Amino acid sequence: MVSKSNRSRRYTEEFKRDAVALVRSSGKTVTEVAREIGVSAEGVRNWVKQDTIDRGQGAPGELTSAEREELRRLRRQNRERAETIEALRNAAVFFVKESDR
């Protein structure tokens, strides 16, 4: 029996692009291509869907890869700023208590 790791594999953008191109040009199903390249069919299906969105052919409201990356960046930046604000707030409370002594 083969055990599966809890961590998913990471594939390069080039590998994903090649897989999507193979699906689009070969006339084979996503499942067939996935089996050939040793990737889950769901993974390849997601890559094809994201490529369709990135080409501007997705449903309204679906985020392109660039938009997803920007959202990730902004959320990280927001989290970092919230942590900085909390640290400054704690420092202010500390100094107020110290000055009252």
Protein backbone atom coordinates (compact mmCIF):
# COMPACT_ATOMS: atom_id res chain seq x y z
CA MET A 1 0.00 0.00 0.00
CA VAL A 2 1.33 3.43 -0.93
CA SER A 3 0.98 6.15 1.69
CA LYS A 4 0.16 9.65 0.59
CA SER A 5 1.80 12.68 2.10
CA ASN A 6 -0.42 15.28 3.71
CA ARG A 7 1.43 17.97 1.79
CA SER A 8 0.40 18.54 -1.77
CA ARG A 9 3.05 18.65 -4.44
CA ARG A 10 4.06 21.94 -5.95
CA TYR A 11 4.34 22.20 -9.71
CA THR A 12 6.09 24.95 -11.62
CA GLU A 13 4.06 27.43 -13.63
CA GLU A 14 5.74 26.09 -16.76
CA PHE A 15 4.61 22.54 -15.95
CA LYS A 16 1.05 23.75 -15.40
CA ARG A 17 1.07 25.75 -18.66
CA ASP A 18 2.35 22.70 -20.55
CA ALA A 19 -0.34 20.50 -19.00
CA VAL A 20 -3.08 22.98 -19.96
CA ALA A 21 -1.68 23.26 -23.49
CA LEU A 22 -1.67 19.46 -23.77
CA VAL A 23 -5.33 19.29 -22.73
CA ARG A 24 -6.30 22.03 -25.18
CA SER A 25 -4.31 20.74 -28.15
CA SER A 26 -4.44 16.96 -27.84
CA GLY A 27 -8.17 16.35 -27.92
CA LYS A 28 -7.75 14.12 -24.87
CA THR A 29 -9.81 14.48 -21.74
CA VAL A 30 -8.43 16.12 -18.62
CA THR A 31 -8.43 12.72 -16.93
CA GLU A 32 -6.39 11.13 -19.72
CA VAL A 33 -3.82 13.91 -19.70
CA ALA A 34 -3.63 13.84 -15.90
CA ARG A 35 -3.00 10.11 -15.92
CA GLU A 36 -0.26 10.51 -18.56
CA ILE A 37 1.63 13.18 -16.63
CA GLY A 38 1.05 11.69 -13.18
CA VAL A 39 -1.07 14.45 -11.68
CA SER A 40 -4.54 14.29 -10.18
CA ALA A 41 -7.34 14.97 -12.63
CA GLU A 42 -8.78 17.55 -10.23
CA GLY A 43 -5.47 19.43 -10.23
CA VAL A 44 -5.30 19.58 -14.02
CA ARG A 45 -8.99 20.53 -14.17
CA ASN A 46 -8.30 23.44 -11.80
CA TRP A 47 -5.33 24.57 -13.93
CA VAL A 48 -7.47 24.53 -17.08
CA LYS A 49 -10.24 26.46 -15.32
CA GLN A 50 -7.80 29.09 -14.01
CA ASP A 51 -6.27 29.43 -17.48
CA THR A 52 -9.74 30.04 -18.90
CA ILE A 53 -10.32 32.76 -16.29
CA ASP A 54 -6.91 34.32 -16.96
CA ARG A 55 -7.81 34.51 -20.66
CA GLY A 56 -10.86 36.60 -19.75
CA GLN A 57 -13.33 33.83 -20.54
CA GLY A 58 -14.38 33.03 -16.99
CA ALA A 59 -17.65 33.76 -15.27
CA PRO A 60 -18.18 37.25 -13.89
CA GLY A 61 -16.60 37.69 -10.47
CA GLU A 62 -13.95 34.99 -10.86
CA LEU A 63 -10.46 36.23 -10.00
CA THR A 64 -7.55 36.00 -12.40
CA SER A 65 -4.21 34.69 -11.15
CA ALA A 66 -2.89 38.27 -10.96
CA GLU A 67 -5.90 39.36 -8.93
CA ARG A 68 -5.52 36.38 -6.58
CA GLU A 69 -1.85 37.22 -6.05
CA GLU A 70 -2.67 40.87 -5.35
CA LEU A 71 -5.36 39.83 -2.87
CA ARG A 72 -2.88 37.53 -1.10
CA ARG A 73 -0.31 40.34 -0.99
CA LEU A 74 -2.81 42.86 0.36
CA ARG A 75 -4.09 40.46 3.02
CA ARG A 76 -0.52 39.75 4.15
CA GLN A 77 0.22 43.49 4.23
CA ASN A 78 -2.97 44.13 6.21
CA ARG A 79 -2.07 41.41 8.72
CA GLU A 80 1.43 42.84 9.18
CA ARG A 81 0.06 46.33 9.73
CA ALA A 82 -2.49 45.06 12.24
CA GLU A 83 0.34 43.37 14.15
CA THR A 84 2.37 46.59 14.09
CA ILE A 85 -0.61 48.58 15.37
CA GLU A 86 -1.15 46.07 18.18
CA ALA A 87 2.54 46.28 19.18
CA LEU A 88 2.39 50.08 19.22
CA ARG A 89 -0.82 49.99 21.24
CA ASN A 90 0.80 47.70 23.80
CA ALA A 91 3.87 49.96 23.96
CA ALA A 92 1.67 53.01 24.52
CA VAL A 93 -0.18 51.25 27.35
CA PHE A 94 3.15 50.25 28.90
CA PHE A 95 4.54 53.80 28.76
CA VAL A 96 1.34 55.29 30.19
CA LYS A 97 1.53 52.87 33.12
CA GLU A 98 5.22 53.69 33.62
CA SER A 99 4.63 57.43 33.60
CA ASP A 100 1.88 57.07 36.23
CA ARG A 101 4.34 55.57 38.73
